[in-house]
Amino acid sequence: MSVTVRLCPEVSGRSAPVDAVVDADTVKGALEALERQVPGVRSRICEPSGNLRRFVQIYADAADIRFLDHLGTRLEDGMTLSIARARRLG
């Protein structure tokens, strides 16, 4: 499935948002495919254990994957994954 991944600058480590198109059927698969296109980005998103970093949020279209199946969330062709760093309050 073709999925667009949009990375905010705080996650991509670049000065502007990064968009990439990957073929994947789960969020985990999308992150693995994204790593092949943007080497090093997965370590900015995930802990060494493979879990999401505490302040990273991922949305599959408008749905927060924390309320779905986390990294196992199924993706459909044409979806957009938005990956952002959560804003700290205070």
PDB file of N, CA and C in Angstrom:
ATOM      1  N   MET A   1       0.821  -1.160   0.000  1.00  0.00           N
ATOM      2  CA  MET A   1       0.000   0.000   0.000  1.00  0.00           C
ATOM      3  C   MET A   1       0.884   1.248   0.000  1.00  0.00           C
ATOM      4  N   SER A   2       0.494   2.209  -0.752  1.00  0.00           N
ATOM      5  CA  SER A   2       1.224   3.460  -0.820  1.00  0.00           C
ATOM      6  C   SER A   2       0.704   4.411   0.257  1.00  0.00           C
ATOM      7  N   VAL A   3       1.611   4.842   1.132  1.00  0.00           N
ATOM      8  CA  VAL A   3       1.271   5.695   2.267  1.00  0.00           C
ATOM      9  C   VAL A   3       2.210   6.898   2.260  1.00  0.00           C
ATOM     10  N   THR A   4       1.669   8.081   2.491  1.00  0.00           N
ATOM     11  CA  THR A   4       2.498   9.274   2.619  1.00  0.00           C
ATOM     12  C   THR A   4       2.845   9.472   4.085  1.00  0.00           C
ATOM     13  N   VAL A   5       4.124   9.689   4.367  1.00  0.00           N
ATOM     14  CA  VAL A   5       4.583   9.953   5.729  1.00  0.00           C
ATOM     15  C   VAL A   5       5.050  11.400   5.777  1.00  0.00           C
ATOM     16  N   ARG A   6       4.473  12.169   6.687  1.00  0.00           N
ATOM     17  CA  ARG A   6       4.855  13.570   6.873  1.00  0.00           C
ATOM     18  C   ARG A   6       5.544  13.716   8.224  1.00  0.00           C
ATOM     19  N   LEU A   7       6.785  14.172   8.194  1.00  0.00           N
ATOM     20  CA  LEU A   7       7.590  14.360   9.408  1.00  0.00           C
ATOM     21  C   LEU A   7       7.750  15.841   9.697  1.00  0.00           C
ATOM     22  N   CYS A   8       7.454  16.253  10.926  1.00  0.00           N
ATOM     23  CA  CYS A   8       7.689  17.643  11.310  1.00  0.00           C
ATOM     24  C   CYS A   8       9.202  17.843  11.446  1.00  0.00           C
ATOM     25  N   PRO A   9       9.672  19.087  11.349  1.00  0.00           N
ATOM     26  CA  PRO A   9      11.113  19.341  11.429  1.00  0.00           C
ATOM     27  C   PRO A   9      11.760  18.835  12.722  1.00  0.00           C
ATOM     28  N   GLU A  10      11.045  18.912  13.840  1.00  0.00           N
ATOM     29  CA  GLU A  10      11.616  18.462  15.113  1.00  0.00           C
ATOM     30  C   GLU A  10      11.914  16.965  15.110  1.00  0.00           C
ATOM     31  N   VAL A  11      11.163  16.215  14.334  1.00  0.00           N
ATOM     32  CA  VAL A  11      11.385  14.771  14.255  1.00  0.00           C
ATOM     33  C   VAL A  11      12.381  14.431  13.154  1.00  0.00           C
ATOM     34  N   SER A  12      12.285  15.117  12.024  1.00  0.00           N
ATOM     35  CA  SER A  12      13.161  14.797  10.891  1.00  0.00           C
ATOM     36  C   SER A  12      14.596  15.269  11.119  1.00  0.00           C
ATOM     37  N   GLY A  13      14.759  16.292  11.970  1.00  0.00           N
ATOM     38  CA  GLY A  13      16.092  16.847  12.172  1.00  0.00           C
ATOM     39  C   GLY A  13      16.489  17.801  11.065  1.00  0.00           C
ATOM     40  N   ARG A  14      15.536  18.165  10.230  1.00  0.00           N
ATOM     41  CA  ARG A  14      15.796  19.086   9.125  1.00  0.00           C
ATOM     42  C   ARG A  14      15.068  20.396   9.379  1.00  0.00           C
ATOM     43  N   SER A  15      15.319  21.383   8.547  1.00  0.00           N
ATOM     44  CA  SER A  15      14.736  22.706   8.777  1.00  0.00           C
ATOM     45  C   SER A  15      13.300  22.836   8.268  1.00  0.00           C
ATOM     46  N   ALA A  16      12.836  21.874   7.512  1.00  0.00           N
ATOM     47  CA  ALA A  16      11.475  21.925   6.962  1.00  0.00           C
ATOM     48  C   ALA A  16      10.835  20.548   7.092  1.00  0.00           C
ATOM     49  N   PRO A  17       9.511  20.490   7.032  1.00  0.00           N
ATOM     50  CA  PRO A  17       8.856  19.168   7.064  1.00  0.00           C
ATOM     51  C   PRO A  17       9.356  18.290   5.923  1.00  0.00           C
ATOM     52  N   VAL A  18       9.332  16.994   6.140  1.00  0.00           N
ATOM     53  CA  VAL A  18       9.751  16.025   5.135  1.00  0.00           C
ATOM     54  C   VAL A  18       8.550  15.150   4.800  1.00  0.00           C
ATOM     55  N   ASP A  19       8.265  14.995   3.522  1.00  0.00           N
ATOM     56  CA  ASP A  19       7.226  14.075   3.057  1.00  0.00           C
ATOM     57  C   ASP A  19       7.898  12.942   2.298  1.00  0.00           C
ATOM     58  N   ALA A  20       7.464  11.730   2.569  1.00  0.00           N
ATOM     59  CA  ALA A  20       7.985  10.562   1.865  1.00  0.00           C
ATOM     60  C   ALA A  20       6.818   9.634   1.553  1.00  0.00           C
ATOM     61  N   VAL A  21       6.899   8.940   0.443  1.00  0.00           N
ATOM     62  CA  VAL A  21       5.893   7.944   0.092  1.00  0.00           C
ATOM     63  C   VAL A  21       6.534   6.577   0.274  1.00  0.00           C
ATOM     64  N   VAL A  22       5.880   5.726   1.059  1.00  0.00           N
ATOM     65  CA  VAL A  22       6.401   4.392   1.341  1.00  0.00           C
ATOM     66  C   VAL A  22       5.332   3.355   1.053  1.00  0.00           C
ATOM     67  N   ASP A  23       5.762   2.126   0.879  1.00  0.00           N
ATOM     68  CA  ASP A  23       4.837   1.001   0.719  1.00  0.00           C
ATOM     69  C   ASP A  23       4.846   0.221   2.024  1.00  0.00           C
ATOM     70  N   ALA A  24       3.692   0.188   2.707  1.00  0.00           N
ATOM     71  CA  ALA A  24       3.595  -0.529   3.983  1.00  0.00           C
ATOM     72  C   ALA A  24       2.135  -0.782   4.303  1.00  0.00           C
ATOM     73  N   ASP A  25       1.890  -1.828   5.102  1.00  0.00           N
ATOM     74  CA  ASP A  25       0.510  -2.101   5.519  1.00  0.00           C
ATOM     75  C   ASP A  25       0.293  -1.899   7.013  1.00  0.00           C
ATOM     76  N   THR A  26       1.367  -1.552   7.758  1.00  0.00           N
ATOM     77  CA  THR A  26       1.245  -1.209   9.179  1.00  0.00           C
ATOM     78  C   THR A  26       2.124   0.007   9.458  1.00  0.00           C
ATOM     79  N   VAL A  27       1.891   0.638  10.598  1.00  0.00           N
ATOM     80  CA  VAL A  27       2.724   1.773  10.989  1.00  0.00           C
ATOM     81  C   VAL A  27       4.172   1.311  11.159  1.00  0.00           C
ATOM     82  N   LYS A  28       4.379   0.179  11.777  1.00  0.00           N
ATOM     83  CA  LYS A  28       5.739  -0.347  11.962  1.00  0.00           C
ATOM     84  C   LYS A  28       6.427  -0.531  10.611  1.00  0.00           C
ATOM     85  N   GLY A  29       5.731  -1.102   9.652  1.00  0.00           N
ATOM     86  CA  GLY A  29       6.287  -1.282   8.309  1.00  0.00           C
ATOM     87  C   GLY A  29       6.608   0.045   7.638  1.00  0.00           C
ATOM     88  N   ALA A  30       5.756   1.043   7.872  1.00  0.00           N
ATOM     89  CA  ALA A  30       5.993   2.372   7.302  1.00  0.00           C
ATOM     90  C   ALA A  30       7.258   2.982   7.884  1.00  0.00           C
ATOM     91  N   LEU A  31       7.470   2.811   9.192  1.00  0.00           N
ATOM     92  CA  LEU A  31       8.679   3.350   9.824  1.00  0.00           C
ATOM     93  C   LEU A  31       9.931   2.650   9.302  1.00  0.00           C
ATOM     94  N   GLU A  32       9.844   1.348   9.076  1.00  0.00           N
ATOM     95  CA  GLU A  32      10.980   0.607   8.524  1.00  0.00           C
ATOM     96  C   GLU A  32      11.293   1.077   7.109  1.00  0.00           C
ATOM     97  N   ALA A  33      10.250   1.282   6.299  1.00  0.00           N
ATOM     98  CA  ALA A  33      10.451   1.768   4.933  1.00  0.00           C
ATOM     99  C   ALA A  33      10.971   3.198   4.937  1.00  0.00           C
ATOM    100  N   LEU A  34      10.487   4.008   5.863  1.00  0.00           N
ATOM    101  CA  LEU A  34      10.948   5.389   5.981  1.00  0.00           C
ATOM    102  C   LEU A  34      12.428   5.436   6.321  1.00  0.00           C
ATOM    103  N   GLU A  35      12.876   4.545   7.185  1.00  0.00           N
ATOM    104  CA  GLU A  35      14.292   4.492   7.568  1.00  0.00           C
ATOM    105  C   GLU A  35      15.181   4.256   6.348  1.00  0.00           C
ATOM    106  N   ARG A  36      14.704   3.488   5.379  1.00  0.00           N
ATOM    107  CA  ARG A  36      15.492   3.243   4.162  1.00  0.00           C
ATOM    108  C   ARG A  36      15.609   4.516   3.319  1.00  0.00           C
ATOM    109  N   GLN A  37      14.608   5.389   3.380  1.00  0.00           N
ATOM    110  CA  GLN A  37      14.634   6.631   2.601  1.00  0.00           C
ATOM    111  C   GLN A  37      15.313   7.777   3.346  1.00  0.00           C
ATOM    112  N   VAL A  38      15.163   7.804   4.670  1.00  0.00           N
ATOM    113  CA  VAL A  38      15.719   8.870   5.506  1.00  0.00           C
ATOM    114  C   VAL A  38      16.514   8.191   6.632  1.00  0.00           C
ATOM    115  N   PRO A  39      17.725   7.713   6.331  1.00  0.00           N
ATOM    116  CA  PRO A  39      18.509   6.986   7.329  1.00  0.00           C
ATOM    117  C   PRO A  39      18.682   7.765   8.626  1.00  0.00           C
ATOM    118  N   GLY A  40      18.485   7.066   9.738  1.00  0.00           N
ATOM    119  CA  GLY A  40      18.653   7.653  11.056  1.00  0.00           C
ATOM    120  C   GLY A  40      17.377   8.197  11.668  1.00  0.00           C
ATOM    121  N   VAL A  41      16.324   8.323  10.875  1.00  0.00           N
ATOM    122  CA  VAL A  41      15.094   8.930  11.388  1.00  0.00           C
ATOM    123  C   VAL A  41      14.377   8.015  12.383  1.00  0.00           C
ATOM    124  N   ARG A  42      14.484   6.718  12.208  1.00  0.00           N
ATOM    125  CA  ARG A  42      13.772   5.801  13.105  1.00  0.00           C
ATOM    126  C   ARG A  42      14.255   5.947  14.550  1.00  0.00           C
ATOM    127  N   SER A  43      15.530   6.208  14.734  1.00  0.00           N
ATOM    128  CA  SER A  43      16.047   6.380  16.098  1.00  0.00           C
ATOM    129  C   SER A  43      15.539   7.671  16.734  1.00  0.00           C
ATOM    130  N   ARG A  44      15.084   8.617  15.935  1.00  0.00           N
ATOM    131  CA  ARG A  44      14.484   9.851  16.454  1.00  0.00           C
ATOM    132  C   ARG A  44      13.021   9.619  16.847  1.00  0.00           C
ATOM    133  N   ILE A  45      12.414   8.552  16.302  1.00  0.00           N
ATOM    134  CA  ILE A  45      11.000   8.251  16.534  1.00  0.00           C
ATOM    135  C   ILE A  45      10.827   7.161  17.590  1.00  0.00           C
ATOM    136  N   CYS A  46      11.708   6.168  17.562  1.00  0.00           N
ATOM    137  CA  CYS A  46      11.567   4.997  18.437  1.00  0.00           C
ATOM    138  C   CYS A  46      12.740   4.846  19.397  1.00  0.00           C
ATOM    139  N   GLU A  47      12.443   4.276  20.558  1.00  0.00           N
ATOM    140  CA  GLU A  47      13.471   3.887  21.528  1.00  0.00           C
ATOM    141  C   GLU A  47      14.222   2.677  20.961  1.00  0.00           C
ATOM    142  N   PRO A  48      15.403   2.358  21.504  1.00  0.00           N
ATOM    143  CA  PRO A  48      16.110   1.156  21.056  1.00  0.00           C
ATOM    144  C   PRO A  48      15.262  -0.117  21.201  1.00  0.00           C
ATOM    145  N   SER A  49      14.319  -0.114  22.147  1.00  0.00           N
ATOM    146  CA  SER A  49      13.435  -1.269  22.337  1.00  0.00           C
ATOM    147  C   SER A  49      12.421  -1.428  21.201  1.00  0.00           C
ATOM    148  N   GLY A  50      12.260  -0.367  20.393  1.00  0.00           N
ATOM    149  CA  GLY A  50      11.284  -0.396  19.307  1.00  0.00           C
ATOM    150  C   GLY A  50      10.010   0.355  19.619  1.00  0.00           C
ATOM    151  N   ASN A  51       9.801   0.698  20.885  1.00  0.00           N
ATOM    152  CA  ASN A  51       8.612   1.475  21.269  1.00  0.00           C
ATOM    153  C   ASN A  51       8.784   2.932  20.859  1.00  0.00           C
ATOM    154  N   LEU A  52       7.657   3.623  20.677  1.00  0.00           N
ATOM    155  CA  LEU A  52       7.718   5.044  20.343  1.00  0.00           C
ATOM    156  C   LEU A  52       8.369   5.831  21.469  1.00  0.00           C
ATOM    157  N   ARG A  53       9.134   6.839  21.087  1.00  0.00           N
ATOM    158  CA  ARG A  53       9.690   7.739  22.086  1.00  0.00           C
ATOM    159  C   ARG A  53       8.540   8.466  22.779  1.00  0.00           C
ATOM    160  N   ARG A  54       8.745   8.851  24.001  1.00  0.00           N
ATOM    161  CA  ARG A  54       7.689   9.407  24.848  1.00  0.00           C
ATOM    162  C   ARG A  54       6.971  10.605  24.228  1.00  0.00           C
ATOM    163  N   PHE A  55       7.686  11.505  23.581  1.00  0.00           N
ATOM    164  CA  PHE A  55       7.074  12.725  23.082  1.00  0.00           C
ATOM    165  C   PHE A  55       6.797  12.702  21.581  1.00  0.00           C
ATOM    166  N   VAL A  56       6.757  11.524  20.986  1.00  0.00           N
ATOM    167  CA  VAL A  56       6.436  11.412  19.564  1.00  0.00           C
ATOM    168  C   VAL A  56       4.983  10.987  19.426  1.00  0.00           C
ATOM    169  N   GLN A  57       4.273  11.690  18.551  1.00  0.00           N
ATOM    170  CA  GLN A  57       2.884  11.351  18.261  1.00  0.00           C
ATOM    171  C   GLN A  57       2.774  10.984  16.789  1.00  0.00           C
ATOM    172  N   ILE A  58       2.021   9.922  16.521  1.00  0.00           N
ATOM    173  CA  ILE A  58       1.788   9.499  15.139  1.00  0.00           C
ATOM    174  C   ILE A  58       0.285   9.416  14.913  1.00  0.00           C
ATOM    175  N   TYR A  59      -0.129  10.028  13.809  1.00  0.00           N
ATOM    176  CA  TYR A  59      -1.537  10.003  13.419  1.00  0.00           C
ATOM    177  C   TYR A  59      -1.670   9.312  12.070  1.00  0.00           C
ATOM    178  N   ALA A  60      -2.573   8.342  12.003  1.00  0.00           N
ATOM    179  CA  ALA A  60      -2.927   7.680  10.744  1.00  0.00           C
ATOM    180  C   ALA A  60      -4.165   8.409  10.261  1.00  0.00           C
ATOM    181  N   ASP A  61      -4.009   9.228   9.229  1.00  0.00           N
ATOM    182  CA  ASP A  61      -4.996  10.230   8.854  1.00  0.00           C
ATOM    183  C   ASP A  61      -5.242  11.066  10.106  1.00  0.00           C
ATOM    184  N   ALA A  62      -6.413  11.125  10.678  1.00  0.00           N
ATOM    185  CA  ALA A  62      -6.642  11.973  11.855  1.00  0.00           C
ATOM    186  C   ALA A  62      -6.649  11.189  13.162  1.00  0.00           C
ATOM    187  N   ALA A  63      -6.429   9.872  13.094  1.00  0.00           N
ATOM    188  CA  ALA A  63      -6.536   9.018  14.281  1.00  0.00           C
ATOM    189  C   ALA A  63      -5.176   8.812  14.945  1.00  0.00           C
ATOM    190  N   ASP A  64      -5.116   9.086  16.247  1.00  0.00           N
ATOM    191  CA  ASP A  64      -3.904   8.888  17.045  1.00  0.00           C
ATOM    192  C   ASP A  64      -3.697   7.382  17.212  1.00  0.00           C
ATOM    193  N   ILE A  65      -2.535   6.863  16.782  1.00  0.00           N
ATOM    194  CA  ILE A  65      -2.313   5.411  16.828  1.00  0.00           C
ATOM    195  C   ILE A  65      -2.268   4.869  18.247  1.00  0.00           C
ATOM    196  N   ARG A  66      -2.073   5.736  19.256  1.00  0.00           N
ATOM    197  CA  ARG A  66      -2.094   5.280  20.649  1.00  0.00           C
ATOM    198  C   ARG A  66      -3.467   4.725  21.027  1.00  0.00           C
ATOM    199  N   PHE A  67      -4.500   5.182  20.330  1.00  0.00           N
ATOM    200  CA  PHE A  67      -5.859   4.725  20.611  1.00  0.00           C
ATOM    201  C   PHE A  67      -6.315   3.668  19.620  1.00  0.00           C
ATOM    202  N   LEU A  68      -5.405   3.240  18.753  1.00  0.00           N
ATOM    203  CA  LEU A  68      -5.690   2.169  17.795  1.00  0.00           C
ATOM    204  C   LEU A  68      -4.859   0.953  18.211  1.00  0.00           C
ATOM    205  N   ASP A  69      -3.995   0.482  17.328  1.00  0.00           N
ATOM    206  CA  ASP A  69      -3.173  -0.690  17.618  1.00  0.00           C
ATOM    207  C   ASP A  69      -1.684  -0.327  17.635  1.00  0.00           C
ATOM    208  N   HIS A  70      -1.374   0.891  18.084  1.00  0.00           N
ATOM    209  CA  HIS A  70       0.004   1.388  18.171  1.00  0.00           C
ATOM    210  C   HIS A  70       0.751   1.126  16.868  1.00  0.00           C
ATOM    211  N   LEU A  71       1.942   0.548  16.942  1.00  0.00           N
ATOM    212  CA  LEU A  71       2.742   0.309  15.737  1.00  0.00           C
ATOM    213  C   LEU A  71       2.133  -0.753  14.831  1.00  0.00           C
ATOM    214  N   GLY A  72       1.225  -1.549  15.365  1.00  0.00           N
ATOM    215  CA  GLY A  72       0.544  -2.570  14.569  1.00  0.00           C
ATOM    216  C   GLY A  72      -0.675  -2.044  13.829  1.00  0.00           C
ATOM    217  N   THR A  73      -0.956  -0.755  13.947  1.00  0.00           N
ATOM    218  CA  THR A  73      -2.111  -0.159  13.273  1.00  0.00           C
ATOM    219  C   THR A  73      -2.036  -0.419  11.771  1.00  0.00           C
ATOM    220  N   ARG A  74      -3.106  -0.966  11.239  1.00  0.00           N
ATOM    221  CA  ARG A  74      -3.179  -1.280   9.803  1.00  0.00           C
ATOM    222  C   ARG A  74      -3.375  -0.002   9.003  1.00  0.00           C
ATOM    223  N   LEU A  75      -2.726   0.057   7.861  1.00  0.00           N
ATOM    224  CA  LEU A  75      -2.822   1.205   6.965  1.00  0.00           C
ATOM    225  C   LEU A  75      -3.532   0.809   5.683  1.00  0.00           C
ATOM    226  N   GLU A  76      -4.188   1.777   5.093  1.00  0.00           N
ATOM    227  CA  GLU A  76      -4.855   1.564   3.805  1.00  0.00           C
ATOM    228  C   GLU A  76      -4.185   2.429   2.753  1.00  0.00           C
ATOM    229  N   ASP A  77      -4.287   2.006   1.525  1.00  0.00           N
ATOM    230  CA  ASP A  77      -3.701   2.736   0.410  1.00  0.00           C
ATOM    231  C   ASP A  77      -4.178   4.187   0.422  1.00  0.00           C
ATOM    232  N   GLY A  78      -3.239   5.107   0.285  1.00  0.00           N
ATOM    233  CA  GLY A  78      -3.573   6.519   0.212  1.00  0.00           C
ATOM    234  C   GLY A  78      -3.610   7.246   1.546  1.00  0.00           C
ATOM    235  N   MET A  79      -3.419   6.528   2.643  1.00  0.00           N
ATOM    236  CA  MET A  79      -3.433   7.180   3.962  1.00  0.00           C
ATOM    237  C   MET A  79      -2.207   8.071   4.134  1.00  0.00           C
ATOM    238  N   THR A  80      -2.312   8.991   5.103  1.00  0.00           N
ATOM    239  CA  THR A  80      -1.188   9.840   5.478  1.00  0.00           C
ATOM    240  C   THR A  80      -0.849   9.603   6.938  1.00  0.00           C
ATOM    241  N   LEU A  81       0.421   9.323   7.197  1.00  0.00           N
ATOM    242  CA  LEU A  81       0.923   9.242   8.568  1.00  0.00           C
ATOM    243  C   LEU A  81       1.590  10.566   8.886  1.00  0.00           C
ATOM    244  N   SER A  82       1.159  11.206   9.938  1.00  0.00           N
ATOM    245  CA  SER A  82       1.776  12.457  10.381  1.00  0.00           C
ATOM    246  C   SER A  82       2.533  12.157  11.664  1.00  0.00           C
ATOM    247  N   ILE A  83       3.815  12.499  11.678  1.00  0.00           N
ATOM    248  CA  ILE A  83       4.657  12.214  12.834  1.00  0.00           C
ATOM    249  C   ILE A  83       5.164  13.535  13.377  1.00  0.00           C
ATOM    250  N   ALA A  84       4.839  13.791  14.644  1.00  0.00           N
ATOM    251  CA  ALA A  84       5.173  15.075  15.258  1.00  0.00           C
ATOM    252  C   ALA A  84       5.729  14.861  16.659  1.00  0.00           C
ATOM    253  N   ARG A  85       6.374  15.865  17.153  1.00  0.00           N
ATOM    254  CA  ARG A  85       6.846  15.868  18.529  1.00  0.00           C
ATOM    255  C   ARG A  85       5.789  16.600  19.353  1.00  0.00           C
ATOM    256  N   ALA A  86       5.360  15.983  20.436  1.00  0.00           N
ATOM    257  CA  ALA A  86       4.344  16.587  21.296  1.00  0.00           C
ATOM    258  C   ALA A  86       4.883  17.861  21.912  1.00  0.00           C
ATOM    259  N   ARG A  87       4.043  18.827  22.043  1.00  0.00           N
ATOM    260  CA  ARG A  87       4.418  20.099  22.680  1.00  0.00           C
ATOM    261  C   ARG A  87       4.325  19.927  24.191  1.00  0.00           C
ATOM    262  N   ARG A  88       5.294  20.441  24.877  1.00  0.00           N
ATOM    263  CA  ARG A  88       5.274  20.387  26.339  1.00  0.00           C
ATOM    264  C   ARG A  88       4.445  21.550  26.867  1.00  0.00           C
ATOM    265  N   LEU A  89       3.662  21.279  27.861  1.00  0.00           N
ATOM    266  CA  LEU A  89       2.856  22.328  28.482  1.00  0.00           C
ATOM    267  C   LEU A  89       3.674  23.015  29.561  1.00  0.00           C
ATOM    268  N   GLY A  90       3.455  24.312  29.705  1.00  0.00           N
ATOM    269  CA  GLY A  90       4.098  25.029  30.803  1.00  0.00           C
ATOM    270  C   GLY A  90       5.299  25.774  30.437  1.00  0.00           C
TER     271      GLY A  90
END
